[in-house]
Amino acid sequence: MREDQRRRTHIAHFFTIGQWETCHQRLFRDWLQTHPDDLARYQAVKLGATTGDGSEYMIIKQPVVLDIVNRARAARGLPPIDELDPED
């Protein structure tokens, strides 16, 4: 993460080759690229969550992200997960 006058400007996630096929960030990104209704849902939640502080933002959007990730996992024949990593 790079900070620019106390504002986050970049985030980088690193994975091994073996992790790439099932990493949540990739599944989530790929799903949103092909499911416009879920993209709109996620955008609405993100915009609504920006009124609070950073911790509220994560709490508000995580149930939606988890739901989308689990649907993306199911589409690939992967089992659902119960929670996301704190940085997801």
PDB file of N, CA and C in Angstrom:
ATOM      1  N   MET A   1       0.853  -1.167   0.000  1.00  0.00           N
ATOM      2  CA  MET A   1       0.000   0.000   0.000  1.00  0.00           C
ATOM      3  C   MET A   1       0.898   1.228   0.000  1.00  0.00           C
ATOM      4  N   ARG A   2       0.563   2.155  -0.817  1.00  0.00           N
ATOM      5  CA  ARG A   2       1.291   3.418  -0.848  1.00  0.00           C
ATOM      6  C   ARG A   2       0.383   4.502  -0.288  1.00  0.00           C
ATOM      7  N   GLU A   3       0.920   5.320   0.561  1.00  0.00           N
ATOM      8  CA  GLU A   3       0.142   6.409   1.153  1.00  0.00           C
ATOM      9  C   GLU A   3       0.519   7.726   0.492  1.00  0.00           C
ATOM     10  N   ASP A   4      -0.464   8.525   0.185  1.00  0.00           N
ATOM     11  CA  ASP A   4      -0.239   9.835  -0.402  1.00  0.00           C
ATOM     12  C   ASP A   4      -1.077  10.827   0.389  1.00  0.00           C
ATOM     13  N   GLN A   5      -0.443  11.541   1.290  1.00  0.00           N
ATOM     14  CA  GLN A   5      -1.126  12.506   2.147  1.00  0.00           C
ATOM     15  C   GLN A   5      -2.300  11.858   2.884  1.00  0.00           C
ATOM     16  N   ARG A   6      -2.003  10.703   3.505  1.00  0.00           N
ATOM     17  CA  ARG A   6      -2.968   9.958   4.319  1.00  0.00           C
ATOM     18  C   ARG A   6      -4.109   9.339   3.520  1.00  0.00           C
ATOM     19  N   ARG A   7      -3.959   9.253   2.235  1.00  0.00           N
ATOM     20  CA  ARG A   7      -4.988   8.640   1.399  1.00  0.00           C
ATOM     21  C   ARG A   7      -4.357   7.454   0.684  1.00  0.00           C
ATOM     22  N   ARG A   8      -5.004   6.317   0.764  1.00  0.00           N
ATOM     23  CA  ARG A   8      -4.483   5.118   0.114  1.00  0.00           C
ATOM     24  C   ARG A   8      -4.553   5.297  -1.401  1.00  0.00           C
ATOM     25  N   THR A   9      -3.441   5.037  -2.057  1.00  0.00           N
ATOM     26  CA  THR A   9      -3.401   5.194  -3.513  1.00  0.00           C
ATOM     27  C   THR A   9      -3.193   3.878  -4.249  1.00  0.00           C
ATOM     28  N   HIS A  10      -2.626   2.876  -3.596  1.00  0.00           N
ATOM     29  CA  HIS A  10      -2.359   1.598  -4.243  1.00  0.00           C
ATOM     30  C   HIS A  10      -2.519   0.460  -3.235  1.00  0.00           C
ATOM     31  N   ILE A  11      -2.950  -0.688  -3.707  1.00  0.00           N
ATOM     32  CA  ILE A  11      -2.961  -1.915  -2.918  1.00  0.00           C
ATOM     33  C   ILE A  11      -2.426  -3.014  -3.824  1.00  0.00           C
ATOM     34  N   ALA A  12      -1.571  -3.855  -3.288  1.00  0.00           N
ATOM     35  CA  ALA A  12      -1.044  -4.983  -4.059  1.00  0.00           C
ATOM     36  C   ALA A  12      -1.252  -6.271  -3.272  1.00  0.00           C
ATOM     37  N   HIS A  13      -1.728  -7.301  -3.937  1.00  0.00           N
ATOM     38  CA  HIS A  13      -1.870  -8.631  -3.353  1.00  0.00           C
ATOM     39  C   HIS A  13      -0.942  -9.556  -4.128  1.00  0.00           C
ATOM     40  N   PHE A  14      -0.233 -10.420  -3.420  1.00  0.00           N
ATOM     41  CA  PHE A  14       0.692 -11.350  -4.057  1.00  0.00           C
ATOM     42  C   PHE A  14       0.286 -12.780  -3.731  1.00  0.00           C
ATOM     43  N   PHE A  15       0.367 -13.646  -4.735  1.00  0.00           N
ATOM     44  CA  PHE A  15      -0.033 -15.040  -4.581  1.00  0.00           C
ATOM     45  C   PHE A  15       0.984 -15.940  -5.251  1.00  0.00           C
ATOM     46  N   THR A  16       1.070 -17.169  -4.752  1.00  0.00           N
ATOM     47  CA  THR A  16       1.879 -18.160  -5.447  1.00  0.00           C
ATOM     48  C   THR A  16       1.073 -18.668  -6.640  1.00  0.00           C
ATOM     49  N   ILE A  17       1.731 -19.339  -7.546  1.00  0.00           N
ATOM     50  CA  ILE A  17       1.023 -19.902  -8.704  1.00  0.00           C
ATOM     51  C   ILE A  17      -0.079 -20.845  -8.240  1.00  0.00           C
ATOM     52  N   GLY A  18       0.182 -21.630  -7.219  1.00  0.00           N
ATOM     53  CA  GLY A  18      -0.811 -22.567  -6.710  1.00  0.00           C
ATOM     54  C   GLY A  18      -2.019 -21.901  -6.074  1.00  0.00           C
ATOM     55  N   GLN A  19      -1.856 -20.716  -5.541  1.00  0.00           N
ATOM     56  CA  GLN A  19      -2.965 -19.988  -4.905  1.00  0.00           C
ATOM     57  C   GLN A  19      -3.838 -19.255  -5.919  1.00  0.00           C
ATOM     58  N   TRP A  20      -3.310 -18.956  -7.078  1.00  0.00           N
ATOM     59  CA  TRP A  20      -3.981 -18.082  -8.033  1.00  0.00           C
ATOM     60  C   TRP A  20      -5.328 -18.615  -8.496  1.00  0.00           C
ATOM     61  N   GLU A  21      -5.449 -19.917  -8.693  1.00  0.00           N
ATOM     62  CA  GLU A  21      -6.697 -20.483  -9.213  1.00  0.00           C
ATOM     63  C   GLU A  21      -7.883 -20.283  -8.273  1.00  0.00           C
ATOM     64  N   THR A  22      -7.644 -20.224  -6.978  1.00  0.00           N
ATOM     65  CA  THR A  22      -8.751 -20.138  -6.023  1.00  0.00           C
ATOM     66  C   THR A  22      -8.715 -18.892  -5.147  1.00  0.00           C
ATOM     67  N   CYS A  23      -7.836 -17.940  -5.429  1.00  0.00           N
ATOM     68  CA  CYS A  23      -7.773 -16.755  -4.561  1.00  0.00           C
ATOM     69  C   CYS A  23      -9.044 -15.919  -4.720  1.00  0.00           C
ATOM     70  N   HIS A  24      -9.528 -15.425  -3.608  1.00  0.00           N
ATOM     71  CA  HIS A  24     -10.804 -14.710  -3.583  1.00  0.00           C
ATOM     72  C   HIS A  24     -10.794 -13.474  -4.469  1.00  0.00           C
ATOM     73  N   GLN A  25      -9.698 -12.746  -4.458  1.00  0.00           N
ATOM     74  CA  GLN A  25      -9.636 -11.514  -5.245  1.00  0.00           C
ATOM     75  C   GLN A  25      -9.832 -11.807  -6.732  1.00  0.00           C
ATOM     76  N   ARG A  26      -9.214 -12.856  -7.225  1.00  0.00           N
ATOM     77  CA  ARG A  26      -9.354 -13.213  -8.644  1.00  0.00           C
ATOM     78  C   ARG A  26     -10.772 -13.692  -8.945  1.00  0.00           C
ATOM     79  N   LEU A  27     -11.300 -14.589  -8.118  1.00  0.00           N
ATOM     80  CA  LEU A  27     -12.653 -15.089  -8.338  1.00  0.00           C
ATOM     81  C   LEU A  27     -13.658 -13.944  -8.321  1.00  0.00           C
ATOM     82  N   PHE A  28     -13.502 -13.046  -7.366  1.00  0.00           N
ATOM     83  CA  PHE A  28     -14.393 -11.897  -7.230  1.00  0.00           C
ATOM     84  C   PHE A  28     -14.306 -11.005  -8.467  1.00  0.00           C
ATOM     85  N   ARG A  29     -13.091 -10.667  -8.871  1.00  0.00           N
ATOM     86  CA  ARG A  29     -12.885  -9.822 -10.053  1.00  0.00           C
ATOM     87  C   ARG A  29     -13.490 -10.456 -11.301  1.00  0.00           C
ATOM     88  N   ASP A  30     -13.188 -11.732 -11.520  1.00  0.00           N
ATOM     89  CA  ASP A  30     -13.689 -12.414 -12.715  1.00  0.00           C
ATOM     90  C   ASP A  30     -15.211 -12.473 -12.725  1.00  0.00           C
ATOM     91  N   TRP A  31     -15.815 -12.723 -11.568  1.00  0.00           N
ATOM     92  CA  TRP A  31     -17.273 -12.800 -11.469  1.00  0.00           C
ATOM     93  C   TRP A  31     -17.910 -11.445 -11.802  1.00  0.00           C
ATOM     94  N   LEU A  32     -17.364 -10.382 -11.225  1.00  0.00           N
ATOM     95  CA  LEU A  32     -17.941  -9.058 -11.472  1.00  0.00           C
ATOM     96  C   LEU A  32     -17.820  -8.642 -12.934  1.00  0.00           C
ATOM     97  N   GLN A  33     -16.797  -9.115 -13.620  1.00  0.00           N
ATOM     98  CA  GLN A  33     -16.621  -8.773 -15.034  1.00  0.00           C
ATOM     99  C   GLN A  33     -17.685  -9.404 -15.921  1.00  0.00           C
ATOM    100  N   THR A  34     -18.340 -10.456 -15.441  1.00  0.00           N
ATOM    101  CA  THR A  34     -19.335 -11.154 -16.264  1.00  0.00           C
ATOM    102  C   THR A  34     -20.741 -11.152 -15.663  1.00  0.00           C
ATOM    103  N   HIS A  35     -20.934 -10.480 -14.553  1.00  0.00           N
ATOM    104  CA  HIS A  35     -22.239 -10.431 -13.884  1.00  0.00           C
ATOM    105  C   HIS A  35     -22.574  -8.980 -13.513  1.00  0.00           C
ATOM    106  N   PRO A  36     -23.125  -8.223 -14.450  1.00  0.00           N
ATOM    107  CA  PRO A  36     -23.368  -6.792 -14.216  1.00  0.00           C
ATOM    108  C   PRO A  36     -24.309  -6.491 -13.048  1.00  0.00           C
ATOM    109  N   ASP A  37     -25.263  -7.373 -12.765  1.00  0.00           N
ATOM    110  CA  ASP A  37     -26.154  -7.122 -11.627  1.00  0.00           C
ATOM    111  C   ASP A  37     -25.381  -7.155 -10.307  1.00  0.00           C
ATOM    112  N   ASP A  38     -24.465  -8.103 -10.182  1.00  0.00           N
ATOM    113  CA  ASP A  38     -23.648  -8.166  -8.970  1.00  0.00           C
ATOM    114  C   ASP A  38     -22.665  -7.005  -8.904  1.00  0.00           C
ATOM    115  N   LEU A  39     -22.164  -6.574 -10.041  1.00  0.00           N
ATOM    116  CA  LEU A  39     -21.281  -5.404 -10.067  1.00  0.00           C
ATOM    117  C   LEU A  39     -22.030  -4.175  -9.559  1.00  0.00           C
ATOM    118  N   ALA A  40     -23.257  -3.979 -10.027  1.00  0.00           N
ATOM    119  CA  ALA A  40     -24.062  -2.840  -9.579  1.00  0.00           C
ATOM    120  C   ALA A  40     -24.365  -2.947  -8.082  1.00  0.00           C
ATOM    121  N   ARG A  41     -24.659  -4.150  -7.622  1.00  0.00           N
ATOM    122  CA  ARG A  41     -24.926  -4.375  -6.193  1.00  0.00           C
ATOM    123  C   ARG A  41     -23.689  -4.022  -5.361  1.00  0.00           C
ATOM    124  N   TYR A  42     -22.528  -4.482  -5.783  1.00  0.00           N
ATOM    125  CA  TYR A  42     -21.290  -4.204  -5.064  1.00  0.00           C
ATOM    126  C   TYR A  42     -20.975  -2.709  -5.077  1.00  0.00           C
ATOM    127  N   GLN A  43     -21.156  -2.059  -6.209  1.00  0.00           N
ATOM    128  CA  GLN A  43     -20.907  -0.619  -6.293  1.00  0.00           C
ATOM    129  C   GLN A  43     -21.815   0.150  -5.344  1.00  0.00           C
ATOM    130  N   ALA A  44     -23.079  -0.237  -5.286  1.00  0.00           N
ATOM    131  CA  ALA A  44     -24.026   0.448  -4.402  1.00  0.00           C
ATOM    132  C   ALA A  44     -23.628   0.283  -2.939  1.00  0.00           C
ATOM    133  N   VAL A  45     -23.221  -0.914  -2.562  1.00  0.00           N
ATOM    134  CA  VAL A  45     -22.801  -1.156  -1.177  1.00  0.00           C
ATOM    135  C   VAL A  45     -21.545  -0.356  -0.856  1.00  0.00           C
ATOM    136  N   LYS A  46     -20.592  -0.344  -1.775  1.00  0.00           N
ATOM    137  CA  LYS A  46     -19.356   0.422  -1.547  1.00  0.00           C
ATOM    138  C   LYS A  46     -19.658   1.909  -1.373  1.00  0.00           C
ATOM    139  N   LEU A  47     -20.491   2.448  -2.233  1.00  0.00           N
ATOM    140  CA  LEU A  47     -20.824   3.874  -2.128  1.00  0.00           C
ATOM    141  C   LEU A  47     -21.554   4.174  -0.829  1.00  0.00           C
ATOM    142  N   GLY A  48     -22.460   3.304  -0.432  1.00  0.00           N
ATOM    143  CA  GLY A  48     -23.182   3.493   0.819  1.00  0.00           C
ATOM    144  C   GLY A  48     -22.293   3.367   2.035  1.00  0.00           C
ATOM    145  N   ALA A  49     -21.242   2.585   1.923  1.00  0.00           N
ATOM    146  CA  ALA A  49     -20.347   2.342   3.057  1.00  0.00           C
ATOM    147  C   ALA A  49     -19.305   3.435   3.234  1.00  0.00           C
ATOM    148  N   THR A  50     -19.164   4.322   2.281  1.00  0.00           N
ATOM    149  CA  THR A  50     -18.107   5.336   2.359  1.00  0.00           C
ATOM    150  C   THR A  50     -18.409   6.449   3.348  1.00  0.00           C
ATOM    151  N   THR A  51     -19.599   6.481   3.902  1.00  0.00           N
ATOM    152  CA  THR A  51     -19.944   7.551   4.831  1.00  0.00           C
ATOM    153  C   THR A  51     -19.329   7.354   6.214  1.00  0.00           C
ATOM    154  N   GLY A  52     -18.938   6.121   6.551  1.00  0.00           N
ATOM    155  CA  GLY A  52     -18.356   5.855   7.865  1.00  0.00           C
ATOM    156  C   GLY A  52     -16.841   5.872   7.827  1.00  0.00           C
ATOM    157  N   ASP A  53     -16.259   5.375   8.921  1.00  0.00           N
ATOM    158  CA  ASP A  53     -14.801   5.267   8.937  1.00  0.00           C
ATOM    159  C   ASP A  53     -14.372   3.975   8.241  1.00  0.00           C
ATOM    160  N   GLY A  54     -13.094   3.733   8.160  1.00  0.00           N
ATOM    161  CA  GLY A  54     -12.578   2.578   7.438  1.00  0.00           C
ATOM    162  C   GLY A  54     -13.060   1.242   7.972  1.00  0.00           C
ATOM    163  N   SER A  55     -13.198   1.108   9.287  1.00  0.00           N
ATOM    164  CA  SER A  55     -13.630  -0.172   9.851  1.00  0.00           C
ATOM    165  C   SER A  55     -15.087  -0.462   9.508  1.00  0.00           C
ATOM    166  N   GLU A  56     -15.935   0.541   9.517  1.00  0.00           N
ATOM    167  CA  GLU A  56     -17.333   0.354   9.130  1.00  0.00           C
ATOM    168  C   GLU A  56     -17.440  -0.021   7.663  1.00  0.00           C
ATOM    169  N   TYR A  57     -16.607   0.560   6.848  1.00  0.00           N
ATOM    170  CA  TYR A  57     -16.600   0.281   5.417  1.00  0.00           C
ATOM    171  C   TYR A  57     -16.407  -1.211   5.164  1.00  0.00           C
ATOM    172  N   MET A  58     -15.427  -1.807   5.828  1.00  0.00           N
ATOM    173  CA  MET A  58     -15.152  -3.232   5.641  1.00  0.00           C
ATOM    174  C   MET A  58     -16.300  -4.087   6.171  1.00  0.00           C
ATOM    175  N   ILE A  59     -16.838  -3.723   7.315  1.00  0.00           N
ATOM    176  CA  ILE A  59     -17.927  -4.491   7.920  1.00  0.00           C
ATOM    177  C   ILE A  59     -19.158  -4.464   7.026  1.00  0.00           C
ATOM    178  N   ILE A  60     -19.470  -3.322   6.459  1.00  0.00           N
ATOM    179  CA  ILE A  60     -20.664  -3.169   5.629  1.00  0.00           C
ATOM    180  C   ILE A  60     -20.551  -3.958   4.332  1.00  0.00           C
ATOM    181  N   LYS A  61     -19.406  -3.929   3.686  1.00  0.00           N
ATOM    182  CA  LYS A  61     -19.307  -4.564   2.368  1.00  0.00           C
ATOM    183  C   LYS A  61     -18.983  -6.052   2.422  1.00  0.00           C
ATOM    184  N   GLN A  62     -18.433  -6.561   3.529  1.00  0.00           N
ATOM    185  CA  GLN A  62     -18.008  -7.961   3.564  1.00  0.00           C
ATOM    186  C   GLN A  62     -19.114  -8.982   3.316  1.00  0.00           C
ATOM    187  N   PRO A  63     -20.338  -8.832   3.834  1.00  0.00           N
ATOM    188  CA  PRO A  63     -21.363  -9.839   3.525  1.00  0.00           C
ATOM    189  C   PRO A  63     -21.659  -9.942   2.022  1.00  0.00           C
ATOM    190  N   VAL A  64     -21.652  -8.826   1.333  1.00  0.00           N
ATOM    191  CA  VAL A  64     -21.896  -8.835  -0.113  1.00  0.00           C
ATOM    192  C   VAL A  64     -20.726  -9.490  -0.835  1.00  0.00           C
ATOM    193  N   VAL A  65     -19.512  -9.142  -0.445  1.00  0.00           N
ATOM    194  CA  VAL A  65     -18.324  -9.738  -1.063  1.00  0.00           C
ATOM    195  C   VAL A  65     -18.315 -11.244  -0.822  1.00  0.00           C
ATOM    196  N   LEU A  66     -18.602 -11.670   0.390  1.00  0.00           N
ATOM    197  CA  LEU A  66     -18.616 -13.094   0.712  1.00  0.00           C
ATOM    198  C   LEU A  66     -19.659 -13.831  -0.123  1.00  0.00           C
ATOM    199  N   ASP A  67     -20.841 -13.260  -0.270  1.00  0.00           N
ATOM    200  CA  ASP A  67     -21.888 -13.880  -1.081  1.00  0.00           C
ATOM    201  C   ASP A  67     -21.432 -14.035  -2.532  1.00  0.00           C
ATOM    202  N   ILE A  68     -20.857 -12.997  -3.088  1.00  0.00           N
ATOM    203  CA  ILE A  68     -20.400 -13.044  -4.479  1.00  0.00           C
ATOM    204  C   ILE A  68     -19.247 -14.034  -4.632  1.00  0.00           C
ATOM    205  N   VAL A  69     -18.297 -14.015  -3.714  1.00  0.00           N
ATOM    206  CA  VAL A  69     -17.173 -14.957  -3.778  1.00  0.00           C
ATOM    207  C   VAL A  69     -17.683 -16.395  -3.716  1.00  0.00           C
ATOM    208  N   ASN A  70     -18.640 -16.666  -2.847  1.00  0.00           N
ATOM    209  CA  ASN A  70     -19.148 -18.033  -2.739  1.00  0.00           C
ATOM    210  C   ASN A  70     -19.906 -18.466  -3.991  1.00  0.00           C
ATOM    211  N   ARG A  71     -20.595 -17.564  -4.641  1.00  0.00           N
ATOM    212  CA  ARG A  71     -21.244 -17.928  -5.903  1.00  0.00           C
ATOM    213  C   ARG A  71     -20.211 -18.179  -6.995  1.00  0.00           C
ATOM    214  N   ALA A  72     -19.151 -17.387  -6.992  1.00  0.00           N
ATOM    215  CA  ALA A  72     -18.062 -17.607  -7.954  1.00  0.00           C
ATOM    216  C   ALA A  72     -17.363 -18.937  -7.672  1.00  0.00           C
ATOM    217  N   ARG A  73     -17.176 -19.258  -6.407  1.00  0.00           N
ATOM    218  CA  ARG A  73     -16.560 -20.539  -6.046  1.00  0.00           C
ATOM    219  C   ARG A  73     -17.451 -21.699  -6.483  1.00  0.00           C
ATOM    220  N   ALA A  74     -18.750 -21.591  -6.237  1.00  0.00           N
ATOM    221  CA  ALA A  74     -19.681 -22.658  -6.629  1.00  0.00           C
ATOM    222  C   ALA A  74     -19.660 -22.878  -8.141  1.00  0.00           C
ATOM    223  N   ALA A  75     -19.576 -21.797  -8.895  1.00  0.00           N
ATOM    224  CA  ALA A  75     -19.543 -21.909 -10.359  1.00  0.00           C
ATOM    225  C   ALA A  75     -18.302 -22.657 -10.838  1.00  0.00           C
ATOM    226  N   ARG A  76     -17.258 -22.665 -10.031  1.00  0.00           N
ATOM    227  CA  ARG A  76     -16.015 -23.381 -10.380  1.00  0.00           C
ATOM    228  C   ARG A  76     -15.901 -24.725  -9.659  1.00  0.00           C
ATOM    229  N   GLY A  77     -16.980 -25.122  -8.980  1.00  0.00           N
ATOM    230  CA  GLY A  77     -16.966 -26.406  -8.288  1.00  0.00           C
ATOM    231  C   GLY A  77     -16.189 -26.399  -6.988  1.00  0.00           C
ATOM    232  N   LEU A  78     -15.982 -25.216  -6.417  1.00  0.00           N
ATOM    233  CA  LEU A  78     -15.247 -25.086  -5.154  1.00  0.00           C
ATOM    234  C   LEU A  78     -16.227 -24.978  -3.991  1.00  0.00           C
ATOM    235  N   PRO A  79     -15.851 -25.457  -2.806  1.00  0.00           N
ATOM    236  CA  PRO A  79     -16.744 -25.349  -1.654  1.00  0.00           C
ATOM    237  C   PRO A  79     -16.849 -23.901  -1.174  1.00  0.00           C
ATOM    238  N   PRO A  80     -17.961 -23.581  -0.493  1.00  0.00           N
ATOM    239  CA  PRO A  80     -18.102 -22.221   0.044  1.00  0.00           C
ATOM    240  C   PRO A  80     -17.150 -21.999   1.218  1.00  0.00           C
ATOM    241  N   ILE A  81     -16.927 -20.737   1.516  1.00  0.00           N
ATOM    242  CA  ILE A  81     -16.132 -20.353   2.680  1.00  0.00           C
ATOM    243  C   ILE A  81     -17.043 -19.620   3.659  1.00  0.00           C
ATOM    244  N   ASP A  82     -16.660 -19.601   4.926  1.00  0.00           N
ATOM    245  CA  ASP A  82     -17.470 -18.950   5.958  1.00  0.00           C
ATOM    246  C   ASP A  82     -17.106 -17.494   6.183  1.00  0.00           C
ATOM    247  N   GLU A  83     -15.858 -17.158   5.892  1.00  0.00           N
ATOM    248  CA  GLU A  83     -15.425 -15.775   6.106  1.00  0.00           C
ATOM    249  C   GLU A  83     -14.269 -15.448   5.180  1.00  0.00           C
ATOM    250  N   LEU A  84     -14.075 -14.159   4.987  1.00  0.00           N
ATOM    251  CA  LEU A  84     -12.970 -13.664   4.176  1.00  0.00           C
ATOM    252  C   LEU A  84     -11.810 -13.303   5.083  1.00  0.00           C
ATOM    253  N   ASP A  85     -10.632 -13.275   4.525  1.00  0.00           N
ATOM    254  CA  ASP A  85      -9.483 -12.770   5.266  1.00  0.00           C
ATOM    255  C   ASP A  85      -9.724 -11.293   5.546  1.00  0.00           C
ATOM    256  N   PRO A  86      -9.182 -10.750   6.647  1.00  0.00           N
ATOM    257  CA  PRO A  86      -9.422  -9.337   6.984  1.00  0.00           C
ATOM    258  C   PRO A  86      -9.050  -8.361   5.876  1.00  0.00           C
ATOM    259  N   GLU A  87      -8.091  -8.708   5.030  1.00  0.00           N
ATOM    260  CA  GLU A  87      -7.655  -7.792   3.975  1.00  0.00           C
ATOM    261  C   GLU A  87      -8.454  -7.928   2.686  1.00  0.00           C
ATOM    262  N   ASP A  88      -9.419  -8.861   2.615  1.00  0.00           N
ATOM    263  CA  ASP A  88     -10.175  -9.084   1.374  1.00  0.00           C
ATOM    264  C   ASP A  88     -11.176  -7.995   1.109  1.00  0.00           C
TER     265      ASP A  88
END
